[in-house]
Amino acid sequence: MRGQKLFKDVIRAGEAVTEGRGRNDSLLAQRNACLLARYYYYGRYKERCYEDILSLLVKEFFLSSIRISRLVQQNSSKIKELKDKEMSIYELQRTWPQYKW
């Protein structure tokens, strides 16, 4: 069958899975830091309202608006740090170059 060789090369039958299962905490922390920076950016530099920011973040991070609002509430101190540092668009671009700031 077409593609079978590739499948067998990538997924070898009988090999033990060495990776751990579940979520990677460091990747979640990085995602949340980026999400909070985007939240700060939309509020500070784009002057969007809360509902608009949530809808934009839902599209960017593929999370529900409820989950995003909980993350924002749980990490309000980190957003305050961004505000206190007056993080510029240039600094945001350097930290997360994959996004259009």
PDB file of N, CA and C in Angstrom:
ATOM      1  N   MET A   1       0.848  -1.172   0.000  1.00  0.00           N
ATOM      2  CA  MET A   1       0.000   0.000   0.000  1.00  0.00           C
ATOM      3  C   MET A   1       0.896   1.238   0.000  1.00  0.00           C
ATOM      4  N   ARG A   2       0.468   2.247  -0.661  1.00  0.00           N
ATOM      5  CA  ARG A   2       1.233   3.476  -0.797  1.00  0.00           C
ATOM      6  C   ARG A   2       1.430   4.161   0.571  1.00  0.00           C
ATOM      7  N   GLY A   3       2.675   4.565   0.859  1.00  0.00           N
ATOM      8  CA  GLY A   3       2.972   5.241   2.111  1.00  0.00           C
ATOM      9  C   GLY A   3       3.297   4.314   3.257  1.00  0.00           C
ATOM     10  N   GLN A   4       3.192   3.018   3.002  1.00  0.00           N
ATOM     11  CA  GLN A   4       3.417   2.050   4.066  1.00  0.00           C
ATOM     12  C   GLN A   4       4.875   2.022   4.510  1.00  0.00           C
ATOM     13  N   LYS A   5       5.812   2.153   3.572  1.00  0.00           N
ATOM     14  CA  LYS A   5       7.230   2.145   3.920  1.00  0.00           C
ATOM     15  C   LYS A   5       7.565   3.319   4.823  1.00  0.00           C
ATOM     16  N   LEU A   6       7.039   4.493   4.487  1.00  0.00           N
ATOM     17  CA  LEU A   6       7.281   5.671   5.305  1.00  0.00           C
ATOM     18  C   LEU A   6       6.720   5.476   6.702  1.00  0.00           C
ATOM     19  N   PHE A   7       5.526   4.914   6.773  1.00  0.00           N
ATOM     20  CA  PHE A   7       4.906   4.661   8.064  1.00  0.00           C
ATOM     21  C   PHE A   7       5.765   3.715   8.903  1.00  0.00           C
ATOM     22  N   LYS A   8       6.262   2.654   8.291  1.00  0.00           N
ATOM     23  CA  LYS A   8       7.082   1.690   9.027  1.00  0.00           C
ATOM     24  C   LYS A   8       8.412   2.299   9.446  1.00  0.00           C
ATOM     25  N   ASP A   9       8.964   3.199   8.602  1.00  0.00           N
ATOM     26  CA  ASP A   9      10.220   3.848   8.961  1.00  0.00           C
ATOM     27  C   ASP A   9      10.038   4.813  10.126  1.00  0.00           C
ATOM     28  N   VAL A  10       8.926   5.512  10.146  1.00  0.00           N
ATOM     29  CA  VAL A  10       8.675   6.498  11.193  1.00  0.00           C
ATOM     30  C   VAL A  10       8.181   5.823  12.470  1.00  0.00           C
ATOM     31  N   ILE A  11       7.242   4.945  12.329  1.00  0.00           N
ATOM     32  CA  ILE A  11       6.653   4.255  13.478  1.00  0.00           C
ATOM     33  C   ILE A  11       7.053   2.792  13.364  1.00  0.00           C
ATOM     34  N   ARG A  12       7.996   2.375  14.119  1.00  0.00           N
ATOM     35  CA  ARG A  12       8.453   0.987  14.051  1.00  0.00           C
ATOM     36  C   ARG A  12       7.688   0.149  15.069  1.00  0.00           C
ATOM     37  N   ALA A  13       7.143  -0.905  14.565  1.00  0.00           N
ATOM     38  CA  ALA A  13       6.372  -1.792  15.429  1.00  0.00           C
ATOM     39  C   ALA A  13       7.307  -2.483  16.423  1.00  0.00           C
ATOM     40  N   GLY A  14       6.884  -2.584  17.652  1.00  0.00           N
ATOM     41  CA  GLY A  14       7.635  -3.299  18.662  1.00  0.00           C
ATOM     42  C   GLY A  14       8.615  -2.450  19.444  1.00  0.00           C
ATOM     43  N   GLU A  15       8.857  -1.213  19.027  1.00  0.00           N
ATOM     44  CA  GLU A  15       9.769  -0.354  19.777  1.00  0.00           C
ATOM     45  C   GLU A  15       9.046   0.252  20.961  1.00  0.00           C
ATOM     46  N   ALA A  16       9.742   0.337  22.047  1.00  0.00           N
ATOM     47  CA  ALA A  16       9.166   0.935  23.245  1.00  0.00           C
ATOM     48  C   ALA A  16       9.171   2.457  23.097  1.00  0.00           C
ATOM     49  N   VAL A  17       8.137   3.076  23.574  1.00  0.00           N
ATOM     50  CA  VAL A  17       8.049   4.526  23.551  1.00  0.00           C
ATOM     51  C   VAL A  17       8.886   5.074  24.691  1.00  0.00           C
ATOM     52  N   THR A  18       9.863   5.922  24.369  1.00  0.00           N
ATOM     53  CA  THR A  18      10.749   6.446  25.404  1.00  0.00           C
ATOM     54  C   THR A  18      10.303   7.799  25.925  1.00  0.00           C
ATOM     55  N   GLU A  19       9.472   8.496  25.181  1.00  0.00           N
ATOM     56  CA  GLU A  19       9.005   9.807  25.626  1.00  0.00           C
ATOM     57  C   GLU A  19       7.942   9.655  26.697  1.00  0.00           C
ATOM     58  N   GLY A  20       7.917  10.618  27.598  1.00  0.00           N
ATOM     59  CA  GLY A  20       6.880  10.626  28.609  1.00  0.00           C
ATOM     60  C   GLY A  20       5.553  11.073  28.017  1.00  0.00           C
ATOM     61  N   ARG A  21       4.525  10.725  28.651  1.00  0.00           N
ATOM     62  CA  ARG A  21       3.199  11.113  28.168  1.00  0.00           C
ATOM     63  C   ARG A  21       2.708  12.331  28.926  1.00  0.00           C
ATOM     64  N   GLY A  22       1.788  13.028  28.327  1.00  0.00           N
ATOM     65  CA  GLY A  22       1.199  14.179  28.984  1.00  0.00           C
ATOM     66  C   GLY A  22       1.785  15.487  28.493  1.00  0.00           C
ATOM     67  N   ARG A  23       1.527  16.513  29.240  1.00  0.00           N
ATOM     68  CA  ARG A  23       1.935  17.855  28.855  1.00  0.00           C
ATOM     69  C   ARG A  23       3.337  18.178  29.359  1.00  0.00           C
ATOM     70  N   ASN A  24       4.021  18.989  28.579  1.00  0.00           N
ATOM     71  CA  ASN A  24       5.360  19.433  28.939  1.00  0.00           C
ATOM     72  C   ASN A  24       5.236  20.780  29.645  1.00  0.00           C
ATOM     73  N   ASP A  25       5.608  20.830  30.902  1.00  0.00           N
ATOM     74  CA  ASP A  25       5.430  22.039  31.703  1.00  0.00           C
ATOM     75  C   ASP A  25       6.211  23.230  31.169  1.00  0.00           C
ATOM     76  N   SER A  26       7.410  22.993  30.658  1.00  0.00           N
ATOM     77  CA  SER A  26       8.193  24.123  30.149  1.00  0.00           C
ATOM     78  C   SER A  26       7.570  24.691  28.874  1.00  0.00           C
ATOM     79  N   LEU A  27       7.001  23.832  28.030  1.00  0.00           N
ATOM     80  CA  LEU A  27       6.335  24.323  26.824  1.00  0.00           C
ATOM     81  C   LEU A  27       5.063  25.096  27.176  1.00  0.00           C
ATOM     82  N   LEU A  28       4.347  24.627  28.179  1.00  0.00           N
ATOM     83  CA  LEU A  28       3.153  25.347  28.630  1.00  0.00           C
ATOM     84  C   LEU A  28       3.522  26.713  29.193  1.00  0.00           C
ATOM     85  N   ALA A  29       4.605  26.780  29.937  1.00  0.00           N
ATOM     86  CA  ALA A  29       5.051  28.059  30.496  1.00  0.00           C
ATOM     87  C   ALA A  29       5.446  29.027  29.378  1.00  0.00           C
ATOM     88  N   GLN A  30       6.107  28.523  28.344  1.00  0.00           N
ATOM     89  CA  GLN A  30       6.475  29.370  27.209  1.00  0.00           C
ATOM     90  C   GLN A  30       5.246  29.857  26.456  1.00  0.00           C
ATOM     91  N   ARG A  31       4.289  28.949  26.254  1.00  0.00           N
ATOM     92  CA  ARG A  31       3.047  29.336  25.574  1.00  0.00           C
ATOM     93  C   ARG A  31       2.314  30.404  26.368  1.00  0.00           C
ATOM     94  N   ASN A  32       2.222  30.206  27.684  1.00  0.00           N
ATOM     95  CA  ASN A  32       1.512  31.163  28.517  1.00  0.00           C
ATOM     96  C   ASN A  32       2.213  32.515  28.542  1.00  0.00           C
ATOM     97  N   ALA A  33       3.538  32.523  28.564  1.00  0.00           N
ATOM     98  CA  ALA A  33       4.278  33.789  28.535  1.00  0.00           C
ATOM     99  C   ALA A  33       4.013  34.531  27.231  1.00  0.00           C
ATOM    100  N   CYS A  34       3.984  33.807  26.139  1.00  0.00           N
ATOM    101  CA  CYS A  34       3.699  34.430  24.844  1.00  0.00           C
ATOM    102  C   CYS A  34       2.256  34.925  24.791  1.00  0.00           C
ATOM    103  N   LEU A  35       1.333  34.141  25.297  1.00  0.00           N
ATOM    104  CA  LEU A  35      -0.076  34.532  25.324  1.00  0.00           C
ATOM    105  C   LEU A  35      -0.260  35.805  26.137  1.00  0.00           C
ATOM    106  N   LEU A  36       0.397  35.902  27.283  1.00  0.00           N
ATOM    107  CA  LEU A  36       0.281  37.088  28.123  1.00  0.00           C
ATOM    108  C   LEU A  36       0.903  38.305  27.447  1.00  0.00           C
ATOM    109  N   ALA A  37       1.992  38.090  26.729  1.00  0.00           N
ATOM    110  CA  ALA A  37       2.616  39.192  25.992  1.00  0.00           C
ATOM    111  C   ALA A  37       1.695  39.683  24.881  1.00  0.00           C
ATOM    112  N   ARG A  38       1.041  38.758  24.204  1.00  0.00           N
ATOM    113  CA  ARG A  38       0.085  39.147  23.154  1.00  0.00           C
ATOM    114  C   ARG A  38      -1.094  39.896  23.777  1.00  0.00           C
ATOM    115  N   TYR A  39      -1.558  39.445  24.917  1.00  0.00           N
ATOM    116  CA  TYR A  39      -2.640  40.126  25.628  1.00  0.00           C
ATOM    117  C   TYR A  39      -2.229  41.566  25.949  1.00  0.00           C
ATOM    118  N   TYR A  40      -1.036  41.713  26.480  1.00  0.00           N
ATOM    119  CA  TYR A  40      -0.497  43.040  26.809  1.00  0.00           C
ATOM    120  C   TYR A  40      -0.399  43.905  25.546  1.00  0.00           C
ATOM    121  N   TYR A  41       0.117  43.331  24.477  1.00  0.00           N
ATOM    122  CA  TYR A  41       0.291  44.054  23.216  1.00  0.00           C
ATOM    123  C   TYR A  41      -1.041  44.560  22.682  1.00  0.00           C
ATOM    124  N   TYR A  42      -2.036  43.694  22.622  1.00  0.00           N
ATOM    125  CA  TYR A  42      -3.340  44.101  22.087  1.00  0.00           C
ATOM    126  C   TYR A  42      -3.995  45.169  22.953  1.00  0.00           C
ATOM    127  N   GLY A  43      -3.813  45.077  24.247  1.00  0.00           N
ATOM    128  CA  GLY A  43      -4.398  46.075  25.133  1.00  0.00           C
ATOM    129  C   GLY A  43      -3.647  47.392  25.128  1.00  0.00           C
ATOM    130  N   ARG A  44      -2.323  47.322  25.149  1.00  0.00           N
ATOM    131  CA  ARG A  44      -1.497  48.528  25.270  1.00  0.00           C
ATOM    132  C   ARG A  44      -1.286  49.252  23.952  1.00  0.00           C
ATOM    133  N   TYR A  45      -0.898  48.528  22.927  1.00  0.00           N
ATOM    134  CA  TYR A  45      -0.512  49.165  21.673  1.00  0.00           C
ATOM    135  C   TYR A  45      -1.631  49.206  20.634  1.00  0.00           C
ATOM    136  N   LYS A  46      -2.515  48.242  20.653  1.00  0.00           N
ATOM    137  CA  LYS A  46      -3.625  48.225  19.699  1.00  0.00           C
ATOM    138  C   LYS A  46      -4.912  48.790  20.288  1.00  0.00           C
ATOM    139  N   GLU A  47      -4.898  49.006  21.613  1.00  0.00           N
ATOM    140  CA  GLU A  47      -6.035  49.588  22.335  1.00  0.00           C
ATOM    141  C   GLU A  47      -7.355  48.880  22.034  1.00  0.00           C
ATOM    142  N   ARG A  48      -7.294  47.564  22.096  1.00  0.00           N
ATOM    143  CA  ARG A  48      -8.489  46.745  21.871  1.00  0.00           C
ATOM    144  C   ARG A  48      -9.229  46.541  23.187  1.00  0.00           C
ATOM    145  N   CYS A  49     -10.522  46.293  23.090  1.00  0.00           N
ATOM    146  CA  CYS A  49     -11.305  45.998  24.291  1.00  0.00           C
ATOM    147  C   CYS A  49     -11.105  44.528  24.672  1.00  0.00           C
ATOM    148  N   TYR A  50     -11.501  44.192  25.869  1.00  0.00           N
ATOM    149  CA  TYR A  50     -11.271  42.858  26.431  1.00  0.00           C
ATOM    150  C   TYR A  50     -11.846  41.758  25.539  1.00  0.00           C
ATOM    151  N   GLU A  51     -13.067  41.927  25.066  1.00  0.00           N
ATOM    152  CA  GLU A  51     -13.716  40.905  24.242  1.00  0.00           C
ATOM    153  C   GLU A  51     -12.979  40.706  22.924  1.00  0.00           C
ATOM    154  N   ASP A  52     -12.509  41.787  22.314  1.00  0.00           N
ATOM    155  CA  ASP A  52     -11.750  41.678  21.062  1.00  0.00           C
ATOM    156  C   ASP A  52     -10.433  40.940  21.290  1.00  0.00           C
ATOM    157  N   ILE A  53      -9.771  41.270  22.389  1.00  0.00           N
ATOM    158  CA  ILE A  53      -8.505  40.614  22.702  1.00  0.00           C
ATOM    159  C   ILE A  53      -8.719  39.113  22.880  1.00  0.00           C
ATOM    160  N   LEU A  54      -9.760  38.739  23.606  1.00  0.00           N
ATOM    161  CA  LEU A  54     -10.042  37.320  23.803  1.00  0.00           C
ATOM    162  C   LEU A  54     -10.298  36.616  22.477  1.00  0.00           C
ATOM    163  N   SER A  55     -11.080  37.214  21.603  1.00  0.00           N
ATOM    164  CA  SER A  55     -11.373  36.563  20.326  1.00  0.00           C
ATOM    165  C   SER A  55     -10.126  36.438  19.460  1.00  0.00           C
ATOM    166  N   LEU A  56      -9.229  37.419  19.515  1.00  0.00           N
ATOM    167  CA  LEU A  56      -7.973  37.328  18.763  1.00  0.00           C
ATOM    168  C   LEU A  56      -7.078  36.225  19.322  1.00  0.00           C
ATOM    169  N   LEU A  57      -7.006  36.129  20.641  1.00  0.00           N
ATOM    170  CA  LEU A  57      -6.170  35.112  21.261  1.00  0.00           C
ATOM    171  C   LEU A  57      -6.720  33.698  21.053  1.00  0.00           C
ATOM    172  N   VAL A  58      -8.030  33.580  20.995  1.00  0.00           N
ATOM    173  CA  VAL A  58      -8.644  32.282  20.707  1.00  0.00           C
ATOM    174  C   VAL A  58      -8.173  31.790  19.340  1.00  0.00           C
ATOM    175  N   LYS A  59      -8.134  32.685  18.362  1.00  0.00           N
ATOM    176  CA  LYS A  59      -7.704  32.314  17.009  1.00  0.00           C
ATOM    177  C   LYS A  59      -6.204  32.009  16.951  1.00  0.00           C
ATOM    178  N   GLU A  60      -5.411  32.734  17.712  1.00  0.00           N
ATOM    179  CA  GLU A  60      -3.959  32.564  17.663  1.00  0.00           C
ATOM    180  C   GLU A  60      -3.473  31.329  18.409  1.00  0.00           C
ATOM    181  N   PHE A  61      -4.085  31.022  19.555  1.00  0.00           N
ATOM    182  CA  PHE A  61      -3.574  29.960  20.412  1.00  0.00           C
ATOM    183  C   PHE A  61      -4.459  28.720  20.466  1.00  0.00           C
ATOM    184  N   PHE A  62      -5.580  28.729  19.775  1.00  0.00           N
ATOM    185  CA  PHE A  62      -6.479  27.570  19.719  1.00  0.00           C
ATOM    186  C   PHE A  62      -6.913  27.114  21.104  1.00  0.00           C
ATOM    187  N   LEU A  63      -7.203  28.080  21.954  1.00  0.00           N
ATOM    188  CA  LEU A  63      -7.732  27.822  23.289  1.00  0.00           C
ATOM    189  C   LEU A  63      -9.105  28.469  23.396  1.00  0.00           C
ATOM    190  N   SER A  64      -9.909  27.998  24.330  1.00  0.00           N
ATOM    191  CA  SER A  64     -11.225  28.601  24.524  1.00  0.00           C
ATOM    192  C   SER A  64     -11.069  29.946  25.232  1.00  0.00           C
ATOM    193  N   SER A  65     -12.060  30.795  25.062  1.00  0.00           N
ATOM    194  CA  SER A  65     -12.016  32.110  25.708  1.00  0.00           C
ATOM    195  C   SER A  65     -12.034  31.973  27.229  1.00  0.00           C
ATOM    196  N   ILE A  66     -12.702  30.956  27.734  1.00  0.00           N
ATOM    197  CA  ILE A  66     -12.735  30.720  29.179  1.00  0.00           C
ATOM    198  C   ILE A  66     -11.335  30.367  29.690  1.00  0.00           C
ATOM    199  N   ARG A  67     -10.631  29.499  28.965  1.00  0.00           N
ATOM    200  CA  ARG A  67      -9.274  29.110  29.369  1.00  0.00           C
ATOM    201  C   ARG A  67      -8.336  30.314  29.321  1.00  0.00           C
ATOM    202  N   ILE A  68      -8.460  31.128  28.292  1.00  0.00           N
ATOM    203  CA  ILE A  68      -7.602  32.308  28.177  1.00  0.00           C
ATOM    204  C   ILE A  68      -7.883  33.292  29.304  1.00  0.00           C
ATOM    205  N   SER A  69      -9.146  33.527  29.601  1.00  0.00           N
ATOM    206  CA  SER A  69      -9.467  34.459  30.680  1.00  0.00           C
ATOM    207  C   SER A  69      -8.960  33.944  32.030  1.00  0.00           C
ATOM    208  N   ARG A  70      -9.002  32.626  32.235  1.00  0.00           N
ATOM    209  CA  ARG A  70      -8.451  32.054  33.475  1.00  0.00           C
ATOM    210  C   ARG A  70      -6.940  32.237  33.545  1.00  0.00           C
ATOM    211  N   LEU A  71      -6.260  32.022  32.420  1.00  0.00           N
ATOM    212  CA  LEU A  71      -4.812  32.213  32.388  1.00  0.00           C
ATOM    213  C   LEU A  71      -4.442  33.663  32.671  1.00  0.00           C
ATOM    214  N   VAL A  72      -5.216  34.579  32.132  1.00  0.00           N
ATOM    215  CA  VAL A  72      -4.967  36.003  32.363  1.00  0.00           C
ATOM    216  C   VAL A  72      -5.168  36.338  33.843  1.00  0.00           C
ATOM    217  N   GLN A  73      -6.236  35.820  34.434  1.00  0.00           N
ATOM    218  CA  GLN A  73      -6.494  36.068  35.851  1.00  0.00           C
ATOM    219  C   GLN A  73      -5.415  35.461  36.733  1.00  0.00           C
ATOM    220  N   GLN A  74      -5.008  34.236  36.414  1.00  0.00           N
ATOM    221  CA  GLN A  74      -3.998  33.554  37.229  1.00  0.00           C
ATOM    222  C   GLN A  74      -2.629  34.218  37.115  1.00  0.00           C
ATOM    223  N   ASN A  75      -2.362  34.881  36.001  1.00  0.00           N
ATOM    224  CA  ASN A  75      -1.052  35.476  35.755  1.00  0.00           C
ATOM    225  C   ASN A  75      -1.112  36.992  35.663  1.00  0.00           C
ATOM    226  N   SER A  76      -2.017  37.588  36.379  1.00  0.00           N
ATOM    227  CA  SER A  76      -2.157  39.045  36.319  1.00  0.00           C
ATOM    228  C   SER A  76      -0.892  39.759  36.788  1.00  0.00           C
ATOM    229  N   SER A  77      -0.155  39.134  37.696  1.00  0.00           N
ATOM    230  CA  SER A  77       1.093  39.745  38.160  1.00  0.00           C
ATOM    231  C   SER A  77       2.130  39.819  37.037  1.00  0.00           C
ATOM    232  N   LYS A  78       2.154  38.831  36.164  1.00  0.00           N
ATOM    233  CA  LYS A  78       3.090  38.845  35.036  1.00  0.00           C
ATOM    234  C   LYS A  78       2.722  39.925  34.024  1.00  0.00           C
ATOM    235  N   ILE A  79       1.435  40.137  33.839  1.00  0.00           N
ATOM    236  CA  ILE A  79       0.996  41.214  32.940  1.00  0.00           C
ATOM    237  C   ILE A  79       1.363  42.558  33.552  1.00  0.00           C
ATOM    238  N   LYS A  80       1.208  42.670  34.858  1.00  0.00           N
ATOM    239  CA  LYS A  80       1.604  43.900  35.543  1.00  0.00           C
ATOM    240  C   LYS A  80       3.105  44.156  35.396  1.00  0.00           C
ATOM    241  N   GLU A  81       3.902  43.097  35.437  1.00  0.00           N
ATOM    242  CA  GLU A  81       5.343  43.233  35.219  1.00  0.00           C
ATOM    243  C   GLU A  81       5.644  43.778  33.828  1.00  0.00           C
ATOM    244  N   LEU A  82       4.939  43.274  32.822  1.00  0.00           N
ATOM    245  CA  LEU A  82       5.121  43.783  31.459  1.00  0.00           C
ATOM    246  C   LEU A  82       4.773  45.269  31.391  1.00  0.00           C
ATOM    247  N   LYS A  83       3.697  45.621  32.076  1.00  0.00           N
ATOM    248  CA  LYS A  83       3.266  47.016  32.092  1.00  0.00           C
ATOM    249  C   LYS A  83       4.282  47.886  32.828  1.00  0.00           C
ATOM    250  N   ASP A  84       4.764  47.416  33.974  1.00  0.00           N
ATOM    251  CA  ASP A  84       5.737  48.182  34.756  1.00  0.00           C
ATOM    252  C   ASP A  84       7.059  48.353  34.007  1.00  0.00           C
ATOM    253  N   LYS A  85       7.472  47.312  33.274  1.00  0.00           N
ATOM    254  CA  LYS A  85       8.698  47.391  32.481  1.00  0.00           C
ATOM    255  C   LYS A  85       8.514  48.282  31.248  1.00  0.00           C
ATOM    256  N   GLU A  86       7.246  48.553  30.924  1.00  0.00           N
ATOM    257  CA  GLU A  86       6.907  49.269  29.688  1.00  0.00           C
ATOM    258  C   GLU A  86       7.575  48.598  28.496  1.00  0.00           C
ATOM    259  N   MET A  87       7.332  47.320  28.385  1.00  0.00           N
ATOM    260  CA  MET A  87       7.945  46.519  27.330  1.00  0.00           C
ATOM    261  C   MET A  87       7.552  47.067  25.965  1.00  0.00           C
ATOM    262  N   SER A  88       8.544  47.384  25.164  1.00  0.00           N
ATOM    263  CA  SER A  88       8.303  48.001  23.858  1.00  0.00           C
ATOM    264  C   SER A  88       7.990  46.934  22.809  1.00  0.00           C
ATOM    265  N   ILE A  89       7.492  47.387  21.685  1.00  0.00           N
ATOM    266  CA  ILE A  89       7.200  46.483  20.580  1.00  0.00           C
ATOM    267  C   ILE A  89       8.489  45.835  20.095  1.00  0.00           C
ATOM    268  N   TYR A  90       9.570  46.595  20.096  1.00  0.00           N
ATOM    269  CA  TYR A  90      10.868  46.045  19.686  1.00  0.00           C
ATOM    270  C   TYR A  90      11.279  44.874  20.577  1.00  0.00           C
ATOM    271  N   GLU A  91      11.111  45.013  21.887  1.00  0.00           N
ATOM    272  CA  GLU A  91      11.453  43.927  22.811  1.00  0.00           C
ATOM    273  C   GLU A  91      10.551  42.713  22.607  1.00  0.00           C
ATOM    274  N   LEU A  92       9.275  42.972  22.322  1.00  0.00           N
ATOM    275  CA  LEU A  92       8.356  41.873  22.039  1.00  0.00           C
ATOM    276  C   LEU A  92       8.770  41.146  20.768  1.00  0.00           C
ATOM    277  N   GLN A  93       9.177  41.899  19.755  1.00  0.00           N
ATOM    278  CA  GLN A  93       9.626  41.293  18.499  1.00  0.00           C
ATOM    279  C   GLN A  93      10.878  40.460  18.694  1.00  0.00           C
ATOM    280  N   ARG A  94      11.788  40.931  19.509  1.00  0.00           N
ATOM    281  CA  ARG A  94      13.014  40.175  19.772  1.00  0.00           C
ATOM    282  C   ARG A  94      12.722  38.894  20.527  1.00  0.00           C
ATOM    283  N   THR A  95      11.800  38.943  21.455  1.00  0.00           N
ATOM    284  CA  THR A  95      11.485  37.775  22.277  1.00  0.00           C
ATOM    285  C   THR A  95      10.688  36.735  21.503  1.00  0.00           C
ATOM    286  N   TRP A  96       9.706  37.184  20.729  1.00  0.00           N
ATOM    287  CA  TRP A  96       8.861  36.281  19.948  1.00  0.00           C
ATOM    288  C   TRP A  96       8.851  36.739  18.489  1.00  0.00           C
ATOM    289  N   PRO A  97       9.889  36.415  17.725  1.00  0.00           N
ATOM    290  CA  PRO A  97       9.986  36.901  16.339  1.00  0.00           C
ATOM    291  C   PRO A  97       8.976  36.245  15.388  1.00  0.00           C
ATOM    292  N   GLN A  98       8.353  35.162  15.793  1.00  0.00           N
ATOM    293  CA  GLN A  98       7.413  34.472  14.909  1.00  0.00           C
ATOM    294  C   GLN A  98       6.079  35.209  14.773  1.00  0.00           C
ATOM    295  N   TYR A  99       5.832  36.206  15.607  1.00  0.00           N
ATOM    296  CA  TYR A  99       4.577  36.957  15.549  1.00  0.00           C
ATOM    297  C   TYR A  99       4.779  38.316  14.902  1.00  0.00           C
ATOM    298  N   LYS A 100       3.722  38.802  14.299  1.00  0.00           N
ATOM    299  CA  LYS A 100       3.743  40.151  13.757  1.00  0.00           C
ATOM    300  C   LYS A 100       3.254  41.091  14.857  1.00  0.00           C
ATOM    301  N   TRP A 101       4.133  41.937  15.321  1.00  0.00           N
ATOM    302  CA  TRP A 101       3.818  42.860  16.404  1.00  0.00           C
ATOM    303  C   TRP A 101       3.548  44.178  15.785  1.00  0.00           C
TER     304      TRP A 101
END
